[in-house]
Amino acid sequence: MTIQNKTMLITYSDSLGNNLKDLYENLEEHFGDAIGGVHLLPFFPSTGDRGFAPVDYDEVDPAFGDWEDVKRLGGKYYLMFDFMINHISRQSKYYKDYQEKHEASEFKDLFLNWDKF
């Protein structure tokens, strides 16, 4: 999708309905061509902070839909997502692996070690 000189909507997946399907339908019904892009605030499974404590960046929170719903939005609108490199849930597979394996973890570079800081 080409970036256009149109409004970019910044929204949570459930702000204009209950999920990504509702979001798409509401954009179609109420906004027409006024919106060119959609900045989806965190839609990954999360343990808190309104999505800003993601557990897994590979999944869409099932409460919001799935990757097909994201692709559908991307078929009509240019998309932007938050990749919170400085936010992650301590319940994530990345942190649990680091907590267990420390410097042997394949994800060690995602975390600051206080002793080295």
C-alpha atoms as a PDB file:
ATOM      1  CA  MET A   1       0.000   0.000   0.000  1.00  0.00           C
ATOM      2  CA  THR A   2       1.357   3.415  -0.944  1.00  0.00           C
ATOM      3  CA  ILE A   3       1.404   6.137   1.682  1.00  0.00           C
ATOM      4  CA  GLN A   4      -1.067   8.828   0.698  1.00  0.00           C
ATOM      5  CA  ASN A   5      -1.594  12.415   1.786  1.00  0.00           C
ATOM      6  CA  LYS A   6      -4.606  11.469   3.894  1.00  0.00           C
ATOM      7  CA  THR A   7      -5.435  11.248   7.552  1.00  0.00           C
ATOM      8  CA  MET A   8      -3.828   8.481   9.579  1.00  0.00           C
ATOM      9  CA  LEU A   9      -6.116   7.111  12.254  1.00  0.00           C
ATOM     10  CA  ILE A  10      -4.383   6.121  15.503  1.00  0.00           C
ATOM     11  CA  THR A  11      -6.518   3.566  17.313  1.00  0.00           C
ATOM     12  CA  TYR A  12      -6.642   0.494  19.489  1.00  0.00           C
ATOM     13  CA  SER A  13      -8.097  -2.591  17.844  1.00  0.00           C
ATOM     14  CA  ASP A  14     -11.227  -2.322  19.968  1.00  0.00           C
ATOM     15  CA  SER A  15     -11.790   1.451  19.977  1.00  0.00           C
ATOM     16  CA  LEU A  16     -14.135   1.543  16.970  1.00  0.00           C
ATOM     17  CA  GLY A  17     -15.916  -1.709  17.726  1.00  0.00           C
ATOM     18  CA  ASN A  18     -14.937  -4.866  19.539  1.00  0.00           C
ATOM     19  CA  ASN A  19     -12.119  -6.070  17.299  1.00  0.00           C
ATOM     20  CA  LEU A  20     -10.272  -5.642  13.987  1.00  0.00           C
ATOM     21  CA  LYS A  21     -13.248  -6.843  11.934  1.00  0.00           C
ATOM     22  CA  ASP A  22     -15.443  -4.177  13.514  1.00  0.00           C
ATOM     23  CA  LEU A  23     -12.725  -1.581  12.988  1.00  0.00           C
ATOM     24  CA  TYR A  24     -12.555  -2.382   9.274  1.00  0.00           C
ATOM     25  CA  GLU A  25     -16.336  -2.304   8.892  1.00  0.00           C
ATOM     26  CA  ASN A  26     -16.648   1.003  10.759  1.00  0.00           C
ATOM     27  CA  LEU A  27     -13.942   2.584   8.617  1.00  0.00           C
ATOM     28  CA  GLU A  28     -15.712   1.415   5.486  1.00  0.00           C
ATOM     29  CA  GLU A  29     -19.146   2.569   6.633  1.00  0.00           C
ATOM     30  CA  HIS A  30     -18.341   5.866   8.325  1.00  0.00           C
ATOM     31  CA  PHE A  31     -15.041   7.193   6.975  1.00  0.00           C
ATOM     32  CA  GLY A  32     -14.978   6.307   3.282  1.00  0.00           C
ATOM     33  CA  ASP A  33     -11.787   7.515   1.623  1.00  0.00           C
ATOM     34  CA  ALA A  34     -10.972  10.104   4.311  1.00  0.00           C
ATOM     35  CA  ILE A  35      -8.584   7.695   6.054  1.00  0.00           C
ATOM     36  CA  GLY A  36      -5.432   6.669   4.228  1.00  0.00           C
ATOM     37  CA  GLY A  37      -3.617   4.857   7.016  1.00  0.00           C
ATOM     38  CA  VAL A  38      -4.231   3.141  10.301  1.00  0.00           C
ATOM     39  CA  HIS A  39      -1.783   3.163  13.189  1.00  0.00           C
ATOM     40  CA  LEU A  40      -2.823   0.146  15.239  1.00  0.00           C
ATOM     41  CA  LEU A  41      -1.807   0.497  18.846  1.00  0.00           C
ATOM     42  CA  PRO A  42      -0.561  -2.776  20.371  1.00  0.00           C
ATOM     43  CA  PHE A  43      -2.665  -5.707  19.245  1.00  0.00           C
ATOM     44  CA  PHE A  44      -0.374  -8.486  20.470  1.00  0.00           C
ATOM     45  CA  PRO A  45      -1.259 -10.718  23.434  1.00  0.00           C
ATOM     46  CA  SER A  46      -0.288  -8.742  26.515  1.00  0.00           C
ATOM     47  CA  THR A  47      -0.284  -8.991  30.291  1.00  0.00           C
ATOM     48  CA  GLY A  48      -1.192  -5.364  30.873  1.00  0.00           C
ATOM     49  CA  ASP A  49      -0.618  -1.684  30.225  1.00  0.00           C
ATOM     50  CA  ARG A  50      -3.286  -1.621  27.468  1.00  0.00           C
ATOM     51  CA  GLY A  51      -1.152  -3.836  25.239  1.00  0.00           C
ATOM     52  CA  PHE A  52       2.199  -2.254  25.982  1.00  0.00           C
ATOM     53  CA  ALA A  53       3.414  -5.354  27.857  1.00  0.00           C
ATOM     54  CA  PRO A  54       3.412  -7.812  24.932  1.00  0.00           C
ATOM     55  CA  VAL A  55       3.866 -11.512  25.499  1.00  0.00           C
ATOM     56  CA  ASP A  56       4.469 -12.443  21.861  1.00  0.00           C
ATOM     57  CA  TYR A  57       5.049 -10.320  18.764  1.00  0.00           C
ATOM     58  CA  ASP A  58       4.212 -13.255  16.483  1.00  0.00           C
ATOM     59  CA  GLU A  59       0.519 -13.382  17.400  1.00  0.00           C
ATOM     60  CA  VAL A  60      -2.534 -11.165  17.296  1.00  0.00           C
ATOM     61  CA  ASP A  61      -4.489 -11.179  20.544  1.00  0.00           C
ATOM     62  CA  PRO A  62      -7.422 -13.513  19.756  1.00  0.00           C
ATOM     63  CA  ALA A  63      -9.803 -10.993  21.360  1.00  0.00           C
ATOM     64  CA  PHE A  64      -8.960  -8.673  18.438  1.00  0.00           C
ATOM     65  CA  GLY A  65      -8.845 -11.232  15.617  1.00  0.00           C
ATOM     66  CA  ASP A  66      -5.955 -12.713  13.708  1.00  0.00           C
ATOM     67  CA  TRP A  67      -3.324 -11.908  11.072  1.00  0.00           C
ATOM     68  CA  GLU A  68      -5.947 -12.217   8.314  1.00  0.00           C
ATOM     69  CA  ASP A  69      -7.804  -9.289   9.886  1.00  0.00           C
ATOM     70  CA  VAL A  70      -4.592  -7.247   9.899  1.00  0.00           C
ATOM     71  CA  LYS A  71      -3.937  -8.193   6.252  1.00  0.00           C
ATOM     72  CA  ARG A  72      -7.481  -7.141   5.323  1.00  0.00           C
ATOM     73  CA  LEU A  73      -6.874  -3.694   6.823  1.00  0.00           C
ATOM     74  CA  GLY A  74      -3.536  -3.535   5.006  1.00  0.00           C
ATOM     75  CA  GLY A  75      -5.263  -4.257   1.718  1.00  0.00           C
ATOM     76  CA  LYS A  76      -6.971  -0.883   1.857  1.00  0.00           C
ATOM     77  CA  TYR A  77      -4.948   1.248   4.314  1.00  0.00           C
ATOM     78  CA  TYR A  78      -1.250   1.712   4.905  1.00  0.00           C
ATOM     79  CA  LEU A  79      -0.495   0.386   8.367  1.00  0.00           C
ATOM     80  CA  MET A  80       1.751   1.362  11.239  1.00  0.00           C
ATOM     81  CA  PHE A  81       2.376  -0.712  14.377  1.00  0.00           C
ATOM     82  CA  ASP A  82       4.141  -0.182  17.664  1.00  0.00           C
ATOM     83  CA  PHE A  83       7.141  -2.420  18.237  1.00  0.00           C
ATOM     84  CA  MET A  84       7.857  -1.665  21.852  1.00  0.00           C
ATOM     85  CA  ILE A  85      11.487  -2.606  22.072  1.00  0.00           C
ATOM     86  CA  ASN A  86      11.619  -1.156  25.576  1.00  0.00           C
ATOM     87  CA  HIS A  87       8.399  -2.870  26.756  1.00  0.00           C
ATOM     88  CA  ILE A  88       7.820  -6.588  27.130  1.00  0.00           C
ATOM     89  CA  SER A  89       5.925  -8.771  29.524  1.00  0.00           C
ATOM     90  CA  ARG A  90       7.845 -10.772  32.070  1.00  0.00           C
ATOM     91  CA  GLN A  91       5.480 -13.573  30.996  1.00  0.00           C
ATOM     92  CA  SER A  92       6.860 -13.490  27.429  1.00  0.00           C
ATOM     93  CA  LYS A  93       8.780 -16.448  26.062  1.00  0.00           C
ATOM     94  CA  TYR A  94      11.717 -14.099  25.484  1.00  0.00           C
ATOM     95  CA  TYR A  95      12.029 -12.996  29.107  1.00  0.00           C
ATOM     96  CA  LYS A  96      11.295 -16.450  30.543  1.00  0.00           C
ATOM     97  CA  ASP A  97      14.090 -17.890  28.393  1.00  0.00           C
ATOM     98  CA  TYR A  98      16.484 -15.154  29.489  1.00  0.00           C
ATOM     99  CA  GLN A  99      15.493 -15.590  33.122  1.00  0.00           C
ATOM    100  CA  GLU A 100      16.215 -19.319  32.900  1.00  0.00           C
ATOM    101  CA  LYS A 101      19.380 -19.286  30.762  1.00  0.00           C
ATOM    102  CA  HIS A 102      20.819 -15.810  31.433  1.00  0.00           C
ATOM    103  CA  GLU A 103      23.787 -15.183  29.097  1.00  0.00           C
ATOM    104  CA  ALA A 104      23.140 -18.480  27.262  1.00  0.00           C
ATOM    105  CA  SER A 105      19.701 -17.284  26.147  1.00  0.00           C
ATOM    106  CA  GLU A 106      19.288 -16.551  22.459  1.00  0.00           C
ATOM    107  CA  PHE A 107      17.281 -13.492  23.579  1.00  0.00           C
ATOM    108  CA  LYS A 108      19.935 -12.074  25.935  1.00  0.00           C
ATOM    109  CA  ASP A 109      20.501  -9.033  23.719  1.00  0.00           C
ATOM    110  CA  LEU A 110      16.892  -7.949  24.264  1.00  0.00           C
ATOM    111  CA  PHE A 111      17.591  -7.220  27.932  1.00  0.00           C
ATOM    112  CA  LEU A 112      19.887  -4.963  29.908  1.00  0.00           C
ATOM    113  CA  ASN A 113      21.828  -6.770  32.588  1.00  0.00           C
ATOM    114  CA  TRP A 114      21.977  -4.489  35.601  1.00  0.00           C
ATOM    115  CA  ASP A 115      25.443  -5.766  36.526  1.00  0.00           C
ATOM    116  CA  LYS A 116      26.780  -4.747  33.095  1.00  0.00           C
ATOM    117  CA  PHE A 117      24.856  -1.491  33.014  1.00  0.00           C
END
